[in-house]
Protein backbone atom coordinates (compact mmCIF):
# COMPACT_ATOMS: atom_id res chain seq x y z
CA MET A 1 0.00 0.00 0.00
CA LYS A 2 1.44 3.34 -1.01
CA LEU A 3 1.49 6.19 1.47
CA GLN A 4 -1.03 8.79 0.32
CA PRO A 5 -0.91 12.36 1.69
CA GLU A 6 -4.56 12.17 2.78
CA MET A 7 -3.74 9.01 4.74
CA THR A 8 -0.55 10.21 6.41
CA SER A 9 -0.89 13.91 7.18
CA GLU A 10 -1.50 13.39 10.91
CA ALA A 11 1.33 10.87 11.16
CA LEU A 12 3.66 13.21 9.30
CA THR A 13 2.82 16.04 11.70
CA ARG A 14 3.65 13.79 14.65
CA LEU A 15 6.93 12.67 13.06
CA LYS A 16 8.00 16.25 12.40
CA ARG A 17 7.27 17.10 16.02
CA ALA A 18 9.27 14.04 17.11
CA ARG A 19 12.17 15.13 14.92
CA GLY A 20 12.26 18.47 16.72
CA GLN A 21 12.11 16.77 20.11
CA LEU A 22 14.89 14.36 19.11
CA ASN A 23 17.08 17.26 18.00
CA ALA A 24 16.48 18.83 21.41
CA VAL A 25 17.52 15.60 23.17
CA ILE A 26 20.71 15.42 21.11
CA GLU A 27 21.55 19.02 21.98
CA MET A 28 20.88 18.34 25.67
CA MET A 29 23.25 15.40 25.59
CA GLU A 30 25.93 17.31 23.69
CA ASN A 31 25.66 20.20 26.15
CA GLY A 32 25.77 17.96 29.23
CA GLU A 33 22.35 19.04 30.48
CA ASP A 34 20.25 17.32 33.14
CA CYS A 35 19.51 13.68 32.32
CA ARG A 36 15.94 13.90 33.67
CA ALA A 37 14.99 16.55 31.16
CA ALA A 38 16.65 14.64 28.31
CA LEU A 39 14.90 11.40 29.26
CA THR A 40 11.54 13.15 29.54
CA GLN A 41 11.99 14.50 26.02
CA LEU A 42 13.20 11.11 24.77
CA ALA A 43 10.05 9.48 26.15
CA ALA A 44 7.97 12.07 24.29
CA VAL A 45 9.87 11.28 21.06
CA SER A 46 9.22 7.57 21.50
CA LYS A 47 5.51 8.11 22.13
CA ALA A 48 5.17 10.42 19.12
CA ILE A 49 6.83 7.87 16.84
CA ASP A 50 4.62 5.07 18.15
CA ARG A 51 1.48 7.15 17.64
CA ALA A 52 2.55 8.04 14.10
CA GLY A 53 2.92 4.35 13.30
CA PHE A 54 -0.48 3.53 14.73
CA LYS A 55 -2.03 6.40 12.74
CA ILE A 56 -0.57 4.97 9.54
CA ILE A 57 -1.92 1.49 10.35
CA ALA A 58 -5.35 2.90 11.22
CA SER A 59 -5.44 4.84 7.94
CA GLY A 60 -4.46 1.70 6.05
CA MET A 61 -7.21 -0.27 7.75
CA ARG A 62 -9.79 2.37 6.79
CA HIS A 63 -8.45 2.56 3.25
CA CYS A 64 -8.59 -1.22 2.76
CA GLY A 65 -12.02 -1.43 4.42
CA THR A 66 -13.38 1.20 2.06
CA ALA A 67 -11.98 -0.72 -0.91
CA ARG A 68 -13.68 -3.90 0.32
CA ASP A 69 -16.98 -2.03 0.78
CA ARG A 70 -16.79 -0.91 -2.85
CA GLY A 71 -16.25 -4.54 -3.92
CA GLU A 72 -12.61 -3.91 -4.83
CA GLN A 73 -9.59 -5.97 -3.85
CA PRO A 74 -7.77 -4.06 -1.07
CA GLU A 75 -4.04 -3.45 -1.45
CA MET A 76 -3.30 -5.35 1.77
CA THR A 77 -4.99 -8.24 3.52
CA GLU A 78 -6.23 -8.03 7.08
CA GLU A 79 -3.45 -10.43 8.04
CA GLU A 80 -0.80 -8.14 6.55
CA LEU A 81 -2.22 -5.14 8.38
CA GLU A 82 -2.38 -7.12 11.62
CA LYS A 83 1.26 -8.17 11.24
CA LEU A 84 2.29 -4.53 10.77
CA PHE A 85 0.21 -3.49 13.77
CA LEU A 86 1.79 -6.14 15.97
CA ALA A 87 5.26 -5.09 14.82
CA LEU A 88 4.57 -1.71 16.44
CA ALA A 89 3.04 -3.08 19.63
């Protein structure tokens, strides 16, 4: 299944936010700042990346479900989508 802008805009927003947070963590580490603040930001990065992945899976599930409803063959099977979902979990 190809990533379509209408399917990934929310995930992309989250990933861009995570990129900024990760850059901040790297700077904190390079500058020898407090480890608690760096770890708090790192946890936020991790959560943002996870949520972006789940958004992409959810969009794919909706996209394939819509294709099935129209009587078309979806690009991915439910089993393939489940496997991708479980890879993130």
